[in-house]
Amino acid sequence: MNNERTNADRNYEDALAAFRGASRDYTAVVTAYRARTIDDAVYLAGRKAFNAAQAAFDLAENTYIDAKNAEEDNAPGIVDPQLSLF
């Protein structure tokens, strides 16, 4: 596993943990908003935080996928015996 993939793995795990926390918080905000125990400003702040965590996770996930695909592209493959003669 190369260093780029290791960093992508770490960033992905960190972003996933942050997103899960933001998702829990946002669920609580939505519940409170529907119960009318918080105002619009609190709801919008919660939604903004959730959206930021989602965007960070999406970026980390795409970077992880790109690193994984790059590693697979560089892996030795099966060589067609007929082509190896040339």
PDB file of N, CA and C in Angstrom:
ATOM      1  N   MET A   1       0.862  -1.179   0.000  1.00  0.00           N
ATOM      2  CA  MET A   1       0.000   0.000   0.000  1.00  0.00           C
ATOM      3  C   MET A   1       0.903   1.236   0.000  1.00  0.00           C
ATOM      4  N   ASN A   2       0.661   2.140  -0.932  1.00  0.00           N
ATOM      5  CA  ASN A   2       1.514   3.308  -1.039  1.00  0.00           C
ATOM      6  C   ASN A   2       1.106   4.397  -0.043  1.00  0.00           C
ATOM      7  N   ASN A   3       1.958   5.387   0.082  1.00  0.00           N
ATOM      8  CA  ASN A   3       1.738   6.458   1.052  1.00  0.00           C
ATOM      9  C   ASN A   3       0.494   7.277   0.724  1.00  0.00           C
ATOM     10  N   GLU A   4       0.259   7.507  -0.577  1.00  0.00           N
ATOM     11  CA  GLU A   4      -0.936   8.267  -0.984  1.00  0.00           C
ATOM     12  C   GLU A   4      -2.203   7.538  -0.551  1.00  0.00           C
ATOM     13  N   ARG A   5      -2.217   6.234  -0.711  1.00  0.00           N
ATOM     14  CA  ARG A   5      -3.384   5.429  -0.315  1.00  0.00           C
ATOM     15  C   ARG A   5      -3.539   5.452   1.201  1.00  0.00           C
ATOM     16  N   THR A   6      -2.435   5.360   1.934  1.00  0.00           N
ATOM     17  CA  THR A   6      -2.490   5.398   3.395  1.00  0.00           C
ATOM     18  C   THR A   6      -3.088   6.716   3.873  1.00  0.00           C
ATOM     19  N   ASN A   7      -2.648   7.826   3.290  1.00  0.00           N
ATOM     20  CA  ASN A   7      -3.205   9.131   3.653  1.00  0.00           C
ATOM     21  C   ASN A   7      -4.681   9.210   3.284  1.00  0.00           C
ATOM     22  N   ALA A   8      -5.034   8.685   2.123  1.00  0.00           N
ATOM     23  CA  ALA A   8      -6.436   8.695   1.691  1.00  0.00           C
ATOM     24  C   ALA A   8      -7.287   7.863   2.638  1.00  0.00           C
ATOM     25  N   ASP A   9      -6.766   6.717   3.082  1.00  0.00           N
ATOM     26  CA  ASP A   9      -7.488   5.875   4.050  1.00  0.00           C
ATOM     27  C   ASP A   9      -7.738   6.645   5.342  1.00  0.00           C
ATOM     28  N   ARG A  10      -6.694   7.289   5.834  1.00  0.00           N
ATOM     29  CA  ARG A  10      -6.791   8.028   7.099  1.00  0.00           C
ATOM     30  C   ARG A  10      -7.776   9.195   6.967  1.00  0.00           C
ATOM     31  N   ASN A  11      -7.671   9.940   5.879  1.00  0.00           N
ATOM     32  CA  ASN A  11      -8.574  11.069   5.661  1.00  0.00           C
ATOM     33  C   ASN A  11     -10.019  10.607   5.530  1.00  0.00           C
ATOM     34  N   TYR A  12     -10.203   9.479   4.844  1.00  0.00           N
ATOM     35  CA  TYR A  12     -11.552   8.921   4.684  1.00  0.00           C
ATOM     36  C   TYR A  12     -12.144   8.544   6.039  1.00  0.00           C
ATOM     37  N   GLU A  13     -11.369   7.842   6.848  1.00  0.00           N
ATOM     38  CA  GLU A  13     -11.859   7.420   8.169  1.00  0.00           C
ATOM     39  C   GLU A  13     -12.184   8.633   9.049  1.00  0.00           C
ATOM     40  N   ASP A  14     -11.331   9.645   9.015  1.00  0.00           N
ATOM     41  CA  ASP A  14     -11.573  10.864   9.804  1.00  0.00           C
ATOM     42  C   ASP A  14     -12.833  11.579   9.329  1.00  0.00           C
ATOM     43  N   ALA A  15     -12.983  11.709   8.020  1.00  0.00           N
ATOM     44  CA  ALA A  15     -14.159  12.395   7.462  1.00  0.00           C
ATOM     45  C   ALA A  15     -15.432  11.601   7.741  1.00  0.00           C
ATOM     46  N   LEU A  16     -15.339  10.280   7.686  1.00  0.00           N
ATOM     47  CA  LEU A  16     -16.504   9.445   7.981  1.00  0.00           C
ATOM     48  C   LEU A  16     -16.930   9.605   9.434  1.00  0.00           C
ATOM     49  N   ALA A  17     -15.971   9.614  10.343  1.00  0.00           N
ATOM     50  CA  ALA A  17     -16.297   9.799  11.759  1.00  0.00           C
ATOM     51  C   ALA A  17     -16.934  11.171  11.998  1.00  0.00           C
ATOM     52  N   ALA A  18     -16.380  12.204  11.366  1.00  0.00           N
ATOM     53  CA  ALA A  18     -16.943  13.553  11.507  1.00  0.00           C
ATOM     54  C   ALA A  18     -18.345  13.619  10.916  1.00  0.00           C
ATOM     55  N   PHE A  19     -18.545  12.973   9.766  1.00  0.00           N
ATOM     56  CA  PHE A  19     -19.858  12.978   9.135  1.00  0.00           C
ATOM     57  C   PHE A  19     -20.884  12.255  10.004  1.00  0.00           C
ATOM     58  N   ARG A  20     -20.499  11.145  10.581  1.00  0.00           N
ATOM     59  CA  ARG A  20     -21.427  10.414  11.445  1.00  0.00           C
ATOM     60  C   ARG A  20     -21.848  11.265  12.637  1.00  0.00           C
ATOM     61  N   GLY A  21     -20.896  11.975  13.230  1.00  0.00           N
ATOM     62  CA  GLY A  21     -21.219  12.871  14.344  1.00  0.00           C
ATOM     63  C   GLY A  21     -22.136  14.002  13.903  1.00  0.00           C
ATOM     64  N   ALA A  22     -21.823  14.582  12.745  1.00  0.00           N
ATOM     65  CA  ALA A  22     -22.656  15.669  12.225  1.00  0.00           C
ATOM     66  C   ALA A  22     -24.052  15.166  11.876  1.00  0.00           C
ATOM     67  N   SER A  23     -24.139  13.950  11.400  1.00  0.00           N
ATOM     68  CA  SER A  23     -25.438  13.372  11.060  1.00  0.00           C
ATOM     69  C   SER A  23     -26.298  13.182  12.315  1.00  0.00           C
ATOM     70  N   ARG A  24     -25.679  12.680  13.378  1.00  0.00           N
ATOM     71  CA  ARG A  24     -26.407  12.545  14.653  1.00  0.00           C
ATOM     72  C   ARG A  24     -26.892  13.908  15.153  1.00  0.00           C
ATOM     73  N   ASP A  25     -25.991  14.888  15.100  1.00  0.00           N
ATOM     74  CA  ASP A  25     -26.352  16.238  15.553  1.00  0.00           C
ATOM     75  C   ASP A  25     -27.480  16.813  14.703  1.00  0.00           C
ATOM     76  N   TYR A  26     -27.390  16.628  13.401  1.00  0.00           N
ATOM     77  CA  TYR A  26     -28.410  17.178  12.517  1.00  0.00           C
ATOM     78  C   TYR A  26     -29.758  16.489  12.738  1.00  0.00           C
ATOM     79  N   THR A  27     -29.749  15.204  12.987  1.00  0.00           N
ATOM     80  CA  THR A  27     -30.993  14.498  13.282  1.00  0.00           C
ATOM     81  C   THR A  27     -31.653  15.090  14.519  1.00  0.00           C
ATOM     82  N   ALA A  28     -30.861  15.399  15.532  1.00  0.00           N
ATOM     83  CA  ALA A  28     -31.394  16.020  16.747  1.00  0.00           C
ATOM     84  C   ALA A  28     -31.946  17.419  16.444  1.00  0.00           C
ATOM     85  N   VAL A  29     -31.244  18.157  15.592  1.00  0.00           N
ATOM     86  CA  VAL A  29     -31.697  19.499  15.217  1.00  0.00           C
ATOM     87  C   VAL A  29     -33.021  19.420  14.461  1.00  0.00           C
ATOM     88  N   VAL A  30     -33.131  18.505  13.526  1.00  0.00           N
ATOM     89  CA  VAL A  30     -34.366  18.350  12.751  1.00  0.00           C
ATOM     90  C   VAL A  30     -35.528  17.981  13.676  1.00  0.00           C
ATOM     91  N   THR A  31     -35.278  17.071  14.597  1.00  0.00           N
ATOM     92  CA  THR A  31     -36.317  16.663  15.545  1.00  0.00           C
ATOM     93  C   THR A  31     -36.777  17.850  16.387  1.00  0.00           C
ATOM     94  N   ALA A  32     -35.820  18.616  16.877  1.00  0.00           N
ATOM     95  CA  ALA A  32     -36.163  19.790  17.687  1.00  0.00           C
ATOM     96  C   ALA A  32     -36.886  20.842  16.851  1.00  0.00           C
ATOM     97  N   TYR A  33     -36.472  21.019  15.636  1.00  0.00           N
ATOM     98  CA  TYR A  33     -37.108  22.010  14.765  1.00  0.00           C
ATOM     99  C   TYR A  33     -38.561  21.622  14.465  1.00  0.00           C
ATOM    100  N   ARG A  34     -38.776  20.349  14.202  1.00  0.00           N
ATOM    101  CA  ARG A  34     -40.139  19.884  13.939  1.00  0.00           C
ATOM    102  C   ARG A  34     -41.028  20.011  15.167  1.00  0.00           C
ATOM    103  N   ALA A  35     -40.415  19.875  16.329  1.00  0.00           N
ATOM    104  CA  ALA A  35     -41.167  20.041  17.576  1.00  0.00           C
ATOM    105  C   ALA A  35     -41.308  21.519  17.950  1.00  0.00           C
ATOM    106  N   ARG A  36     -40.717  22.369  17.149  1.00  0.00           N
ATOM    107  CA  ARG A  36     -40.750  23.821  17.338  1.00  0.00           C
ATOM    108  C   ARG A  36     -40.107  24.270  18.657  1.00  0.00           C
ATOM    109  N   THR A  37     -39.054  23.556  19.039  1.00  0.00           N
ATOM    110  CA  THR A  37     -38.326  23.946  20.252  1.00  0.00           C
ATOM    111  C   THR A  37     -37.074  24.758  19.940  1.00  0.00           C
ATOM    112  N   ILE A  38     -36.741  24.882  18.640  1.00  0.00           N
ATOM    113  CA  ILE A  38     -35.636  25.748  18.223  1.00  0.00           C
ATOM    114  C   ILE A  38     -36.127  26.625  17.078  1.00  0.00           C
ATOM    115  N   ASP A  39     -35.431  27.729  16.878  1.00  0.00           N
ATOM    116  CA  ASP A  39     -35.854  28.638  15.803  1.00  0.00           C
ATOM    117  C   ASP A  39     -35.110  28.352  14.500  1.00  0.00           C
ATOM    118  N   ASP A  40     -35.470  29.120  13.483  1.00  0.00           N
ATOM    119  CA  ASP A  40     -34.895  28.921  12.155  1.00  0.00           C
ATOM    120  C   ASP A  40     -33.372  29.069  12.148  1.00  0.00           C
ATOM    121  N   ALA A  41     -32.858  30.033  12.885  1.00  0.00           N
ATOM    122  CA  ALA A  41     -31.413  30.286  12.883  1.00  0.00           C
ATOM    123  C   ALA A  41     -30.642  29.078  13.411  1.00  0.00           C
ATOM    124  N   VAL A  42     -31.140  28.454  14.446  1.00  0.00           N
ATOM    125  CA  VAL A  42     -30.469  27.273  15.006  1.00  0.00           C
ATOM    126  C   VAL A  42     -30.551  26.114  14.015  1.00  0.00           C
ATOM    127  N   TYR A  43     -31.723  25.954  13.407  1.00  0.00           N
ATOM    128  CA  TYR A  43     -31.883  24.899  12.409  1.00  0.00           C
ATOM    129  C   TYR A  43     -30.930  25.114  11.238  1.00  0.00           C
ATOM    130  N   LEU A  44     -30.870  26.335  10.720  1.00  0.00           N
ATOM    131  CA  LEU A  44     -30.008  26.621   9.573  1.00  0.00           C
ATOM    132  C   LEU A  44     -28.528  26.441   9.909  1.00  0.00           C
ATOM    133  N   ALA A  45     -28.139  26.774  11.115  1.00  0.00           N
ATOM    134  CA  ALA A  45     -26.749  26.552  11.531  1.00  0.00           C
ATOM    135  C   ALA A  45     -26.441  25.050  11.586  1.00  0.00           C
ATOM    136  N   GLY A  46     -27.384  24.277  12.091  1.00  0.00           N
ATOM    137  CA  GLY A  46     -27.205  22.824  12.127  1.00  0.00           C
ATOM    138  C   GLY A  46     -27.129  22.226  10.738  1.00  0.00           C
ATOM    139  N   ARG A  47     -27.965  22.735   9.856  1.00  0.00           N
ATOM    140  CA  ARG A  47     -27.955  22.239   8.473  1.00  0.00           C
ATOM    141  C   ARG A  47     -26.657  22.624   7.770  1.00  0.00           C
ATOM    142  N   LYS A  48     -26.159  23.825   8.036  1.00  0.00           N
ATOM    143  CA  LYS A  48     -24.903  24.275   7.436  1.00  0.00           C
ATOM    144  C   LYS A  48     -23.744  23.382   7.892  1.00  0.00           C
ATOM    145  N   ALA A  49     -23.713  23.048   9.180  1.00  0.00           N
ATOM    146  CA  ALA A  49     -22.661  22.174   9.705  1.00  0.00           C
ATOM    147  C   ALA A  49     -22.748  20.783   9.079  1.00  0.00           C
ATOM    148  N   PHE A  50     -23.974  20.272   8.947  1.00  0.00           N
ATOM    149  CA  PHE A  50     -24.174  18.964   8.324  1.00  0.00           C
ATOM    150  C   PHE A  50     -23.714  18.974   6.877  1.00  0.00           C
ATOM    151  N   ASN A  51     -24.085  20.005   6.129  1.00  0.00           N
ATOM    152  CA  ASN A  51     -23.695  20.108   4.724  1.00  0.00           C
ATOM    153  C   ASN A  51     -22.174  20.197   4.567  1.00  0.00           C
ATOM    154  N   ALA A  52     -21.513  20.904   5.481  1.00  0.00           N
ATOM    155  CA  ALA A  52     -20.052  21.011   5.427  1.00  0.00           C
ATOM    156  C   ALA A  52     -19.411  19.648   5.685  1.00  0.00           C
ATOM    157  N   ALA A  53     -19.939  18.909   6.654  1.00  0.00           N
ATOM    158  CA  ALA A  53     -19.407  17.571   6.939  1.00  0.00           C
ATOM    159  C   ALA A  53     -19.652  16.634   5.760  1.00  0.00           C
ATOM    160  N   GLN A  54     -20.802  16.763   5.127  1.00  0.00           N
ATOM    161  CA  GLN A  54     -21.115  15.936   3.950  1.00  0.00           C
ATOM    162  C   GLN A  54     -20.153  16.245   2.811  1.00  0.00           C
ATOM    163  N   ALA A  55     -19.881  17.514   2.581  1.00  0.00           N
ATOM    164  CA  ALA A  55     -18.962  17.908   1.511  1.00  0.00           C
ATOM    165  C   ALA A  55     -17.546  17.400   1.794  1.00  0.00           C
ATOM    166  N   ALA A  56     -17.102  17.501   3.037  1.00  0.00           N
ATOM    167  CA  ALA A  56     -15.768  17.017   3.405  1.00  0.00           C
ATOM    168  C   ALA A  56     -15.679  15.502   3.230  1.00  0.00           C
ATOM    169  N   PHE A  57     -16.743  14.806   3.609  1.00  0.00           N
ATOM    170  CA  PHE A  57     -16.757  13.358   3.442  1.00  0.00           C
ATOM    171  C   PHE A  57     -16.743  12.983   1.966  1.00  0.00           C
ATOM    172  N   ASP A  58     -17.537  13.668   1.155  1.00  0.00           N
ATOM    173  CA  ASP A  58     -17.571  13.379  -0.282  1.00  0.00           C
ATOM    174  C   ASP A  58     -16.189  13.555  -0.908  1.00  0.00           C
ATOM    175  N   LEU A  59     -15.497  14.617  -0.536  1.00  0.00           N
ATOM    176  CA  LEU A  59     -14.151  14.865  -1.054  1.00  0.00           C
ATOM    177  C   LEU A  59     -13.193  13.754  -0.617  1.00  0.00           C
ATOM    178  N   ALA A  60     -13.237  13.397   0.655  1.00  0.00           N
ATOM    179  CA  ALA A  60     -12.358  12.344   1.163  1.00  0.00           C
ATOM    180  C   ALA A  60     -12.671  11.002   0.504  1.00  0.00           C
ATOM    181  N   GLU A  61     -13.946  10.731   0.296  1.00  0.00           N
ATOM    182  CA  GLU A  61     -14.342   9.475  -0.341  1.00  0.00           C
ATOM    183  C   GLU A  61     -13.847   9.418  -1.786  1.00  0.00           C
ATOM    184  N   ASN A  62     -13.992  10.510  -2.512  1.00  0.00           N
ATOM    185  CA  ASN A  62     -13.523  10.544  -3.900  1.00  0.00           C
ATOM    186  C   ASN A  62     -12.004  10.402  -3.974  1.00  0.00           C
ATOM    187  N   THR A  63     -11.295  11.037  -3.060  1.00  0.00           N
ATOM    188  CA  THR A  63      -9.837  10.930  -3.011  1.00  0.00           C
ATOM    189  C   THR A  63      -9.419   9.495  -2.703  1.00  0.00           C
ATOM    190  N   TYR A  64     -10.119   8.859  -1.769  1.00  0.00           N
ATOM    191  CA  TYR A  64      -9.850   7.464  -1.430  1.00  0.00           C
ATOM    192  C   TYR A  64     -10.067   6.556  -2.640  1.00  0.00           C
ATOM    193  N   ILE A  65     -11.180   6.750  -3.320  1.00  0.00           N
ATOM    194  CA  ILE A  65     -11.482   5.928  -4.496  1.00  0.00           C
ATOM    195  C   ILE A  65     -10.434   6.138  -5.582  1.00  0.00           C
ATOM    196  N   ASP A  66     -10.054   7.392  -5.818  1.00  0.00           N
ATOM    197  CA  ASP A  66      -9.031   7.674  -6.827  1.00  0.00           C
ATOM    198  C   ASP A  66      -7.699   7.013  -6.465  1.00  0.00           C
ATOM    199  N   ALA A  67      -7.310   7.085  -5.193  1.00  0.00           N
ATOM    200  CA  ALA A  67      -6.047   6.475  -4.755  1.00  0.00           C
ATOM    201  C   ALA A  67      -6.109   4.957  -4.891  1.00  0.00           C
ATOM    202  N   LYS A  68      -7.241   4.380  -4.547  1.00  0.00           N
ATOM    203  CA  LYS A  68      -7.405   2.930  -4.658  1.00  0.00           C
ATOM    204  C   LYS A  68      -7.345   2.496  -6.126  1.00  0.00           C
ATOM    205  N   ASN A  69      -8.021   3.237  -6.986  1.00  0.00           N
ATOM    206  CA  ASN A  69      -8.006   2.905  -8.408  1.00  0.00           C
ATOM    207  C   ASN A  69      -6.615   3.081  -9.013  1.00  0.00           C
ATOM    208  N   ALA A  70      -5.902   4.108  -8.600  1.00  0.00           N
ATOM    209  CA  ALA A  70      -4.547   4.332  -9.106  1.00  0.00           C
ATOM    210  C   ALA A  70      -3.634   3.188  -8.682  1.00  0.00           C
ATOM    211  N   GLU A  71      -3.803   2.725  -7.467  1.00  0.00           N
ATOM    212  CA  GLU A  71      -2.995   1.605  -6.983  1.00  0.00           C
ATOM    213  C   GLU A  71      -3.298   0.344  -7.791  1.00  0.00           C
ATOM    214  N   GLU A  72      -4.562   0.114  -8.078  1.00  0.00           N
ATOM    215  CA  GLU A  72      -4.948  -1.061  -8.856  1.00  0.00           C
ATOM    216  C   GLU A  72      -4.454  -0.954 -10.297  1.00  0.00           C
ATOM    217  N   ASP A  73      -4.456   0.261 -10.846  1.00  0.00           N
ATOM    218  CA  ASP A  73      -3.971   0.456 -12.209  1.00  0.00           C
ATOM    219  C   ASP A  73      -2.478   0.168 -12.317  1.00  0.00           C
ATOM    220  N   ASN A  74      -1.743   0.391 -11.227  1.00  0.00           N
ATOM    221  CA  ASN A  74      -0.299   0.179 -11.228  1.00  0.00           C
ATOM    222  C   ASN A  74       0.089  -1.231 -10.809  1.00  0.00           C
ATOM    223  N   ALA A  75      -0.877  -2.043 -10.434  1.00  0.00           N
ATOM    224  CA  ALA A  75      -0.592  -3.412 -10.006  1.00  0.00           C
ATOM    225  C   ALA A  75      -0.227  -4.265 -11.212  1.00  0.00           C
ATOM    226  N   PRO A  76       0.689  -5.201 -11.000  1.00  0.00           N
ATOM    227  CA  PRO A  76       1.020  -6.084 -12.118  1.00  0.00           C
ATOM    228  C   PRO A  76      -0.188  -6.936 -12.481  1.00  0.00           C
ATOM    229  N   GLY A  77      -0.425  -7.073 -13.751  1.00  0.00           N
ATOM    230  CA  GLY A  77      -1.582  -7.834 -14.205  1.00  0.00           C
ATOM    231  C   GLY A  77      -1.165  -9.134 -14.867  1.00  0.00           C
ATOM    232  N   ILE A  78      -2.127  -9.801 -15.385  1.00  0.00           N
ATOM    233  CA  ILE A  78      -1.871 -11.037 -16.111  1.00  0.00           C
ATOM    234  C   ILE A  78      -1.455 -10.669 -17.534  1.00  0.00           C
ATOM    235  N   VAL A  79      -0.364 -11.222 -17.957  1.00  0.00           N
ATOM    236  CA  VAL A  79       0.149 -10.928 -19.295  1.00  0.00           C
ATOM    237  C   VAL A  79      -0.295 -12.050 -20.225  1.00  0.00           C
ATOM    238  N   ASP A  80      -0.816 -11.647 -21.350  1.00  0.00           N
ATOM    239  CA  ASP A  80      -1.192 -12.620 -22.371  1.00  0.00           C
ATOM    240  C   ASP A  80       0.084 -13.287 -22.880  1.00  0.00           C
ATOM    241  N   PRO A  81       0.182 -14.618 -22.761  1.00  0.00           N
ATOM    242  CA  PRO A  81       1.402 -15.301 -23.174  1.00  0.00           C
ATOM    243  C   PRO A  81       1.795 -15.015 -24.623  1.00  0.00           C
ATOM    244  N   GLN A  82       0.834 -14.812 -25.481  1.00  0.00           N
ATOM    245  CA  GLN A  82       1.127 -14.534 -26.883  1.00  0.00           C
ATOM    246  C   GLN A  82       1.803 -13.167 -27.036  1.00  0.00           C
ATOM    247  N   LEU A  83       1.400 -12.194 -26.201  1.00  0.00           N
ATOM    248  CA  LEU A  83       1.990 -10.864 -26.302  1.00  0.00           C
ATOM    249  C   LEU A  83       3.398 -10.831 -25.718  1.00  0.00           C
ATOM    250  N   SER A  84       3.676 -11.716 -24.790  1.00  0.00           N
ATOM    251  CA  SER A  84       4.985 -11.680 -24.143  1.00  0.00           C
ATOM    252  C   SER A  84       6.087 -12.181 -25.081  1.00  0.00           C
ATOM    253  N   LEU A  85       5.714 -12.759 -26.207  1.00  0.00           N
ATOM    254  CA  LEU A  85       6.711 -13.221 -27.161  1.00  0.00           C
ATOM    255  C   LEU A  85       7.332 -12.073 -27.952  1.00  0.00           C
ATOM    256  N   PHE A  86       6.669 -10.952 -27.985  1.00  0.00           N
ATOM    257  CA  PHE A  86       7.147  -9.831 -28.807  1.00  0.00           C
ATOM    258  C   PHE A  86       7.991  -8.907 -28.048  1.00  0.00           C
TER     259      PHE A  86
END
